[in-house]
Amino acid sequence: MSDADQANADIPGLSFEQALGELEKIVAELESGQAPLERSIEMYERGAALKAHCEKRLEAARLRVEKIVVGPQGPSGVGPADFN
């Protein structure tokens, strides 16, 4: 396992909100330009892993909502409002 893999080993256990919060902190620190190069690279690697984790969590949530809306017997009538 590489150093980056070890540093990111905790990410699968993070909630979406925890991962997003940490990602926002990383982005702010990187945007400040104050971190040394090596630290910036480490943060970028962790940020990329956090982004992928958040995307995975969002996709899982989308699929769960889709199952609720569609259900085993087809559409349940619950879905976005039609404003036309």
PDB file of N, CA and C in Angstrom:
ATOM      1  N   MET A   1       0.851  -1.180   0.000  1.00  0.00           N
ATOM      2  CA  MET A   1       0.000   0.000   0.000  1.00  0.00           C
ATOM      3  C   MET A   1       0.890   1.235   0.000  1.00  0.00           C
ATOM      4  N   SER A   2       0.612   2.177  -0.906  1.00  0.00           N
ATOM      5  CA  SER A   2       1.418   3.396  -1.003  1.00  0.00           C
ATOM      6  C   SER A   2       1.086   4.345   0.146  1.00  0.00           C
ATOM      7  N   ASP A   3       1.929   5.360   0.310  1.00  0.00           N
ATOM      8  CA  ASP A   3       1.690   6.353   1.353  1.00  0.00           C
ATOM      9  C   ASP A   3       0.350   7.050   1.147  1.00  0.00           C
ATOM     10  N   ALA A   4       0.021   7.359  -0.117  1.00  0.00           N
ATOM     11  CA  ALA A   4      -1.257   8.023  -0.413  1.00  0.00           C
ATOM     12  C   ALA A   4      -2.427   7.120  -0.049  1.00  0.00           C
ATOM     13  N   ASP A   5      -2.314   5.812  -0.352  1.00  0.00           N
ATOM     14  CA  ASP A   5      -3.379   4.871  -0.005  1.00  0.00           C
ATOM     15  C   ASP A   5      -3.559   4.788   1.504  1.00  0.00           C
ATOM     16  N   GLN A   6      -2.455   4.773   2.228  1.00  0.00           N
ATOM     17  CA  GLN A   6      -2.526   4.726   3.688  1.00  0.00           C
ATOM     18  C   GLN A   6      -3.143   6.006   4.237  1.00  0.00           C
ATOM     19  N   ALA A   7      -2.779   7.133   3.675  1.00  0.00           N
ATOM     20  CA  ALA A   7      -3.308   8.418   4.137  1.00  0.00           C
ATOM     21  C   ALA A   7      -4.799   8.548   3.859  1.00  0.00           C
ATOM     22  N   ASN A   8      -5.291   7.832   2.853  1.00  0.00           N
ATOM     23  CA  ASN A   8      -6.692   7.917   2.459  1.00  0.00           C
ATOM     24  C   ASN A   8      -7.521   6.724   2.920  1.00  0.00           C
ATOM     25  N   ALA A   9      -6.946   5.864   3.736  1.00  0.00           N
ATOM     26  CA  ALA A   9      -7.622   4.637   4.154  1.00  0.00           C
ATOM     27  C   ALA A   9      -8.896   4.914   4.949  1.00  0.00           C
ATOM     28  N   ASP A  10      -9.005   6.072   5.572  1.00  0.00           N
ATOM     29  CA  ASP A  10     -10.177   6.396   6.379  1.00  0.00           C
ATOM     30  C   ASP A  10     -11.356   6.908   5.551  1.00  0.00           C
ATOM     31  N   ILE A  11     -11.127   7.263   4.314  1.00  0.00           N
ATOM     32  CA  ILE A  11     -12.164   7.905   3.500  1.00  0.00           C
ATOM     33  C   ILE A  11     -13.406   7.048   3.333  1.00  0.00           C
ATOM     34  N   PRO A  12     -13.320   5.742   3.078  1.00  0.00           N
ATOM     35  CA  PRO A  12     -14.561   4.969   2.902  1.00  0.00           C
ATOM     36  C   PRO A  12     -15.512   5.022   4.098  1.00  0.00           C
ATOM     37  N   GLY A  13     -14.994   5.285   5.279  1.00  0.00           N
ATOM     38  CA  GLY A  13     -15.843   5.356   6.464  1.00  0.00           C
ATOM     39  C   GLY A  13     -16.464   6.721   6.717  1.00  0.00           C
ATOM     40  N   LEU A  14     -16.119   7.708   5.897  1.00  0.00           N
ATOM     41  CA  LEU A  14     -16.645   9.054   6.093  1.00  0.00           C
ATOM     42  C   LEU A  14     -18.045   9.187   5.505  1.00  0.00           C
ATOM     43  N   SER A  15     -18.876   9.951   6.181  1.00  0.00           N
ATOM     44  CA  SER A  15     -20.182  10.281   5.610  1.00  0.00           C
ATOM     45  C   SER A  15     -19.960  11.281   4.478  1.00  0.00           C
ATOM     46  N   PHE A  16     -20.997  11.483   3.689  1.00  0.00           N
ATOM     47  CA  PHE A  16     -20.911  12.474   2.615  1.00  0.00           C
ATOM     48  C   PHE A  16     -20.574  13.846   3.191  1.00  0.00           C
ATOM     49  N   GLU A  17     -21.249  14.218   4.274  1.00  0.00           N
ATOM     50  CA  GLU A  17     -21.052  15.528   4.868  1.00  0.00           C
ATOM     51  C   GLU A  17     -19.637  15.703   5.416  1.00  0.00           C
ATOM     52  N   GLN A  18     -19.101  14.665   6.035  1.00  0.00           N
ATOM     53  CA  GLN A  18     -17.734  14.732   6.558  1.00  0.00           C
ATOM     54  C   GLN A  18     -16.733  14.890   5.420  1.00  0.00           C
ATOM     55  N   ALA A  19     -16.900  14.081   4.377  1.00  0.00           N
ATOM     56  CA  ALA A  19     -15.985  14.138   3.236  1.00  0.00           C
ATOM     57  C   ALA A  19     -16.068  15.492   2.537  1.00  0.00           C
ATOM     58  N   LEU A  20     -17.275  16.001   2.352  1.00  0.00           N
ATOM     59  CA  LEU A  20     -17.451  17.289   1.689  1.00  0.00           C
ATOM     60  C   LEU A  20     -16.839  18.413   2.521  1.00  0.00           C
ATOM     61  N   GLY A  21     -17.024  18.365   3.828  1.00  0.00           N
ATOM     62  CA  GLY A  21     -16.441  19.381   4.698  1.00  0.00           C
ATOM     63  C   GLY A  21     -14.926  19.393   4.618  1.00  0.00           C
ATOM     64  N   GLU A  22     -14.337  18.198   4.639  1.00  0.00           N
ATOM     65  CA  GLU A  22     -12.880  18.117   4.539  1.00  0.00           C
ATOM     66  C   GLU A  22     -12.409  18.588   3.164  1.00  0.00           C
ATOM     67  N   LEU A  23     -13.136  18.227   2.136  1.00  0.00           N
ATOM     68  CA  LEU A  23     -12.786  18.653   0.778  1.00  0.00           C
ATOM     69  C   LEU A  23     -12.836  20.176   0.663  1.00  0.00           C
ATOM     70  N   GLU A  24     -13.830  20.797   1.266  1.00  0.00           N
ATOM     71  CA  GLU A  24     -13.928  22.260   1.240  1.00  0.00           C
ATOM     72  C   GLU A  24     -12.731  22.903   1.938  1.00  0.00           C
ATOM     73  N   LYS A  25     -12.285  22.326   3.047  1.00  0.00           N
ATOM     74  CA  LYS A  25     -11.111  22.849   3.756  1.00  0.00           C
ATOM     75  C   LYS A  25      -9.852  22.724   2.898  1.00  0.00           C
ATOM     76  N   ILE A  26      -9.721  21.580   2.220  1.00  0.00           N
ATOM     77  CA  ILE A  26      -8.562  21.364   1.352  1.00  0.00           C
ATOM     78  C   ILE A  26      -8.550  22.383   0.219  1.00  0.00           C
ATOM     79  N   VAL A  27      -9.705  22.592  -0.399  1.00  0.00           N
ATOM     80  CA  VAL A  27      -9.795  23.553  -1.503  1.00  0.00           C
ATOM     81  C   VAL A  27      -9.407  24.953  -1.019  1.00  0.00           C
ATOM     82  N   ALA A  28      -9.920  25.339   0.146  1.00  0.00           N
ATOM     83  CA  ALA A  28      -9.596  26.665   0.675  1.00  0.00           C
ATOM     84  C   ALA A  28      -8.101  26.803   0.943  1.00  0.00           C
ATOM     85  N   GLU A  29      -7.497  25.759   1.499  1.00  0.00           N
ATOM     86  CA  GLU A  29      -6.061  25.821   1.787  1.00  0.00           C
ATOM     87  C   GLU A  29      -5.246  25.853   0.499  1.00  0.00           C
ATOM     88  N   LEU A  30      -5.639  25.063  -0.485  1.00  0.00           N
ATOM     89  CA  LEU A  30      -4.923  25.082  -1.760  1.00  0.00           C
ATOM     90  C   LEU A  30      -5.076  26.432  -2.451  1.00  0.00           C
ATOM     91  N   GLU A  31      -6.269  27.004  -2.389  1.00  0.00           N
ATOM     92  CA  GLU A  31      -6.500  28.306  -3.019  1.00  0.00           C
ATOM     93  C   GLU A  31      -5.709  29.425  -2.350  1.00  0.00           C
ATOM     94  N   SER A  32      -5.406  29.254  -1.069  1.00  0.00           N
ATOM     95  CA  SER A  32      -4.649  30.287  -0.364  1.00  0.00           C
ATOM     96  C   SER A  32      -3.212  30.378  -0.869  1.00  0.00           C
ATOM     97  N   GLY A  33      -2.703  29.268  -1.415  1.00  0.00           N
ATOM     98  CA  GLY A  33      -1.347  29.253  -1.938  1.00  0.00           C
ATOM     99  C   GLY A  33      -0.271  29.257  -0.869  1.00  0.00           C
ATOM    100  N   GLN A  34      -0.647  29.010   0.370  1.00  0.00           N
ATOM    101  CA  GLN A  34       0.301  29.087   1.482  1.00  0.00           C
ATOM    102  C   GLN A  34       1.006  27.767   1.779  1.00  0.00           C
ATOM    103  N   ALA A  35       0.485  26.652   1.292  1.00  0.00           N
ATOM    104  CA  ALA A  35       1.068  25.351   1.607  1.00  0.00           C
ATOM    105  C   ALA A  35       2.311  25.097   0.761  1.00  0.00           C
ATOM    106  N   PRO A  36       3.317  24.449   1.338  1.00  0.00           N
ATOM    107  CA  PRO A  36       4.498  24.059   0.551  1.00  0.00           C
ATOM    108  C   PRO A  36       4.094  23.063  -0.540  1.00  0.00           C
ATOM    109  N   LEU A  37       4.928  22.943  -1.545  1.00  0.00           N
ATOM    110  CA  LEU A  37       4.630  22.115  -2.711  1.00  0.00           C
ATOM    111  C   LEU A  37       4.256  20.681  -2.336  1.00  0.00           C
ATOM    112  N   GLU A  38       5.070  20.016  -1.533  1.00  0.00           N
ATOM    113  CA  GLU A  38       4.790  18.614  -1.180  1.00  0.00           C
ATOM    114  C   GLU A  38       3.452  18.487  -0.465  1.00  0.00           C
ATOM    115  N   ARG A  39       3.187  19.401   0.448  1.00  0.00           N
ATOM    116  CA  ARG A  39       1.910  19.387   1.184  1.00  0.00           C
ATOM    117  C   ARG A  39       0.756  19.644   0.219  1.00  0.00           C
ATOM    118  N   SER A  40       0.948  20.523  -0.730  1.00  0.00           N
ATOM    119  CA  SER A  40      -0.089  20.801  -1.725  1.00  0.00           C
ATOM    120  C   SER A  40      -0.410  19.550  -2.537  1.00  0.00           C
ATOM    121  N   ILE A  41       0.618  18.816  -2.927  1.00  0.00           N
ATOM    122  CA  ILE A  41       0.410  17.584  -3.698  1.00  0.00           C
ATOM    123  C   ILE A  41      -0.345  16.558  -2.863  1.00  0.00           C
ATOM    124  N   GLU A  42       0.035  16.403  -1.596  1.00  0.00           N
ATOM    125  CA  GLU A  42      -0.656  15.468  -0.705  1.00  0.00           C
ATOM    126  C   GLU A  42      -2.129  15.859  -0.540  1.00  0.00           C
ATOM    127  N   MET A  43      -2.361  17.150  -0.356  1.00  0.00           N
ATOM    128  CA  MET A  43      -3.742  17.616  -0.201  1.00  0.00           C
ATOM    129  C   MET A  43      -4.536  17.391  -1.489  1.00  0.00           C
ATOM    130  N   TYR A  44      -3.897  17.629  -2.625  1.00  0.00           N
ATOM    131  CA  TYR A  44      -4.583  17.422  -3.903  1.00  0.00           C
ATOM    132  C   TYR A  44      -4.971  15.958  -4.070  1.00  0.00           C
ATOM    133  N   GLU A  45      -4.053  15.051  -3.722  1.00  0.00           N
ATOM    134  CA  GLU A  45      -4.345  13.612  -3.816  1.00  0.00           C
ATOM    135  C   GLU A  45      -5.509  13.236  -2.909  1.00  0.00           C
ATOM    136  N   ARG A  46      -5.494  13.736  -1.670  1.00  0.00           N
ATOM    137  CA  ARG A  46      -6.588  13.436  -0.741  1.00  0.00           C
ATOM    138  C   ARG A  46      -7.882  14.071  -1.239  1.00  0.00           C
ATOM    139  N   GLY A  47      -7.796  15.282  -1.767  1.00  0.00           N
ATOM    140  CA  GLY A  47      -8.979  15.942  -2.304  1.00  0.00           C
ATOM    141  C   GLY A  47      -9.599  15.153  -3.450  1.00  0.00           C
ATOM    142  N   ALA A  48      -8.761  14.607  -4.318  1.00  0.00           N
ATOM    143  CA  ALA A  48      -9.272  13.799  -5.430  1.00  0.00           C
ATOM    144  C   ALA A  48      -9.974  12.547  -4.903  1.00  0.00           C
ATOM    145  N   ALA A  49      -9.408  11.925  -3.876  1.00  0.00           N
ATOM    146  CA  ALA A  49     -10.029  10.737  -3.280  1.00  0.00           C
ATOM    147  C   ALA A  49     -11.341  11.109  -2.587  1.00  0.00           C
ATOM    148  N   LEU A  50     -11.368  12.252  -1.901  1.00  0.00           N
ATOM    149  CA  LEU A  50     -12.601  12.704  -1.251  1.00  0.00           C
ATOM    150  C   LEU A  50     -13.678  13.022  -2.282  1.00  0.00           C
ATOM    151  N   LYS A  51     -13.286  13.634  -3.384  1.00  0.00           N
ATOM    152  CA  LYS A  51     -14.238  13.951  -4.461  1.00  0.00           C
ATOM    153  C   LYS A  51     -14.856  12.669  -5.014  1.00  0.00           C
ATOM    154  N   ALA A  52     -14.028  11.675  -5.261  1.00  0.00           N
ATOM    155  CA  ALA A  52     -14.532  10.403  -5.782  1.00  0.00           C
ATOM    156  C   ALA A  52     -15.488   9.757  -4.773  1.00  0.00           C
ATOM    157  N   HIS A  53     -15.139   9.836  -3.496  1.00  0.00           N
ATOM    158  CA  HIS A  53     -15.993   9.277  -2.448  1.00  0.00           C
ATOM    159  C   HIS A  53     -17.340   9.994  -2.416  1.00  0.00           C
ATOM    160  N   CYS A  54     -17.323  11.320  -2.499  1.00  0.00           N
ATOM    161  CA  CYS A  54     -18.571  12.087  -2.499  1.00  0.00           C
ATOM    162  C   CYS A  54     -19.427  11.729  -3.715  1.00  0.00           C
ATOM    163  N   GLU A  55     -18.803  11.595  -4.862  1.00  0.00           N
ATOM    164  CA  GLU A  55     -19.547  11.227  -6.066  1.00  0.00           C
ATOM    165  C   GLU A  55     -20.179   9.847  -5.911  1.00  0.00           C
ATOM    166  N   LYS A  56     -19.446   8.924  -5.314  1.00  0.00           N
ATOM    167  CA  LYS A  56     -19.965   7.570  -5.077  1.00  0.00           C
ATOM    168  C   LYS A  56     -21.164   7.611  -4.130  1.00  0.00           C
ATOM    169  N   ARG A  57     -21.048   8.398  -3.059  1.00  0.00           N
ATOM    170  CA  ARG A  57     -22.154   8.531  -2.095  1.00  0.00           C
ATOM    171  C   ARG A  57     -23.377   9.173  -2.754  1.00  0.00           C
ATOM    172  N   LEU A  58     -23.165  10.191  -3.572  1.00  0.00           N
ATOM    173  CA  LEU A  58     -24.281  10.845  -4.259  1.00  0.00           C
ATOM    174  C   LEU A  58     -24.974   9.891  -5.227  1.00  0.00           C
ATOM    175  N   GLU A  59     -24.202   9.106  -5.941  1.00  0.00           N
ATOM    176  CA  GLU A  59     -24.786   8.138  -6.874  1.00  0.00           C
ATOM    177  C   GLU A  59     -25.603   7.098  -6.120  1.00  0.00           C
ATOM    178  N   ALA A  60     -25.085   6.625  -4.984  1.00  0.00           N
ATOM    179  CA  ALA A  60     -25.831   5.657  -4.178  1.00  0.00           C
ATOM    180  C   ALA A  60     -27.140   6.273  -3.679  1.00  0.00           C
ATOM    181  N   ALA A  61     -27.103   7.529  -3.261  1.00  0.00           N
ATOM    182  CA  ALA A  61     -28.311   8.212  -2.803  1.00  0.00           C
ATOM    183  C   ALA A  61     -29.302   8.372  -3.953  1.00  0.00           C
ATOM    184  N   ARG A  62     -28.790   8.723  -5.126  1.00  0.00           N
ATOM    185  CA  ARG A  62     -29.667   8.879  -6.297  1.00  0.00           C
ATOM    186  C   ARG A  62     -30.371   7.575  -6.625  1.00  0.00           C
ATOM    187  N   LEU A  63     -29.637   6.474  -6.565  1.00  0.00           N
ATOM    188  CA  LEU A  63     -30.229   5.171  -6.860  1.00  0.00           C
ATOM    189  C   LEU A  63     -31.281   4.796  -5.822  1.00  0.00           C
ATOM    190  N   ARG A  64     -31.028   5.124  -4.558  1.00  0.00           N
ATOM    191  CA  ARG A  64     -32.015   4.842  -3.510  1.00  0.00           C
ATOM    192  C   ARG A  64     -33.293   5.639  -3.740  1.00  0.00           C
ATOM    193  N   VAL A  65     -33.150   6.915  -4.079  1.00  0.00           N
ATOM    194  CA  VAL A  65     -34.321   7.746  -4.344  1.00  0.00           C
ATOM    195  C   VAL A  65     -35.066   7.223  -5.557  1.00  0.00           C
ATOM    196  N   GLU A  66     -34.328   6.819  -6.566  1.00  0.00           N
ATOM    197  CA  GLU A  66     -34.955   6.280  -7.775  1.00  0.00           C
ATOM    198  C   GLU A  66     -35.779   5.041  -7.442  1.00  0.00           C
ATOM    199  N   LYS A  67     -35.267   4.189  -6.564  1.00  0.00           N
ATOM    200  CA  LYS A  67     -36.017   2.989  -6.158  1.00  0.00           C
ATOM    201  C   LYS A  67     -37.298   3.376  -5.431  1.00  0.00           C
ATOM    202  N   ILE A  68     -37.241   4.430  -4.630  1.00  0.00           N
ATOM    203  CA  ILE A  68     -38.424   4.880  -3.907  1.00  0.00           C
ATOM    204  C   ILE A  68     -39.458   5.420  -4.882  1.00  0.00           C
ATOM    205  N   VAL A  69     -39.013   6.234  -5.835  1.00  0.00           N
ATOM    206  CA  VAL A  69     -39.919   6.855  -6.788  1.00  0.00           C
ATOM    207  C   VAL A  69     -40.503   5.822  -7.739  1.00  0.00           C
ATOM    208  N   VAL A  70     -39.671   4.922  -8.246  1.00  0.00           N
ATOM    209  CA  VAL A  70     -40.131   3.929  -9.205  1.00  0.00           C
ATOM    210  C   VAL A  70     -40.765   2.754  -8.481  1.00  0.00           C
ATOM    211  N   GLY A  71     -40.098   2.184  -7.502  1.00  0.00           N
ATOM    212  CA  GLY A  71     -40.637   1.058  -6.740  1.00  0.00           C
ATOM    213  C   GLY A  71     -40.773  -0.194  -7.584  1.00  0.00           C
ATOM    214  N   PRO A  72     -41.055  -1.317  -6.936  1.00  0.00           N
ATOM    215  CA  PRO A  72     -41.141  -2.586  -7.656  1.00  0.00           C
ATOM    216  C   PRO A  72     -42.342  -2.677  -8.595  1.00  0.00           C
ATOM    217  N   GLN A  73     -43.418  -1.922  -8.330  1.00  0.00           N
ATOM    218  CA  GLN A  73     -44.604  -1.969  -9.184  1.00  0.00           C
ATOM    219  C   GLN A  73     -44.638  -0.839 -10.206  1.00  0.00           C
ATOM    220  N   GLY A  74     -43.521  -0.187 -10.433  1.00  0.00           N
ATOM    221  CA  GLY A  74     -43.478   0.919 -11.377  1.00  0.00           C
ATOM    222  C   GLY A  74     -43.587   2.245 -10.664  1.00  0.00           C
ATOM    223  N   PRO A  75     -43.758   3.314 -11.400  1.00  0.00           N
ATOM    224  CA  PRO A  75     -43.803   4.642 -10.788  1.00  0.00           C
ATOM    225  C   PRO A  75     -44.918   4.743  -9.746  1.00  0.00           C
ATOM    226  N   SER A  76     -44.586   5.355  -8.611  1.00  0.00           N
ATOM    227  CA  SER A  76     -45.555   5.475  -7.525  1.00  0.00           C
ATOM    228  C   SER A  76     -46.309   6.793  -7.578  1.00  0.00           C
ATOM    229  N   GLY A  77     -45.977   7.606  -8.523  1.00  0.00           N
ATOM    230  CA  GLY A  77     -46.611   8.906  -8.596  1.00  0.00           C
ATOM    231  C   GLY A  77     -45.881   9.961  -7.776  1.00  0.00           C
ATOM    232  N   VAL A  78     -44.868   9.532  -7.057  1.00  0.00           N
ATOM    233  CA  VAL A  78     -44.068  10.476  -6.287  1.00  0.00           C
ATOM    234  C   VAL A  78     -42.869  10.848  -7.133  1.00  0.00           C
ATOM    235  N   GLY A  79     -42.700  12.105  -7.374  1.00  0.00           N
ATOM    236  CA  GLY A  79     -41.581  12.555  -8.192  1.00  0.00           C
ATOM    237  C   GLY A  79     -41.612  14.066  -8.278  1.00  0.00           C
ATOM    238  N   PRO A  80     -40.811  14.596  -9.140  1.00  0.00           N
ATOM    239  CA  PRO A  80     -40.765  16.048  -9.277  1.00  0.00           C
ATOM    240  C   PRO A  80     -42.131  16.596  -9.688  1.00  0.00           C
ATOM    241  N   ALA A  81     -42.485  17.740  -9.164  1.00  0.00           N
ATOM    242  CA  ALA A  81     -43.755  18.368  -9.504  1.00  0.00           C
ATOM    243  C   ALA A  81     -43.739  18.826 -10.949  1.00  0.00           C
ATOM    244  N   ASP A  82     -44.868  18.711 -11.598  1.00  0.00           N
ATOM    245  CA  ASP A  82     -45.015  19.184 -12.970  1.00  0.00           C
ATOM    246  C   ASP A  82     -45.674  20.557 -12.910  1.00  0.00           C
ATOM    247  N   PHE A  83     -44.905  21.588 -13.247  1.00  0.00           N
ATOM    248  CA  PHE A  83     -45.382  22.949 -13.131  1.00  0.00           C
ATOM    249  C   PHE A  83     -45.963  23.475 -14.444  1.00  0.00           C
ATOM    250  N   ASN A  84     -46.217  22.625 -15.406  1.00  0.00           N
ATOM    251  CA  ASN A  84     -46.755  23.088 -16.697  1.00  0.00           C
ATOM    252  C   ASN A  84     -48.248  23.266 -16.636  1.00  0.00           C
TER     253      ASN A  84
END
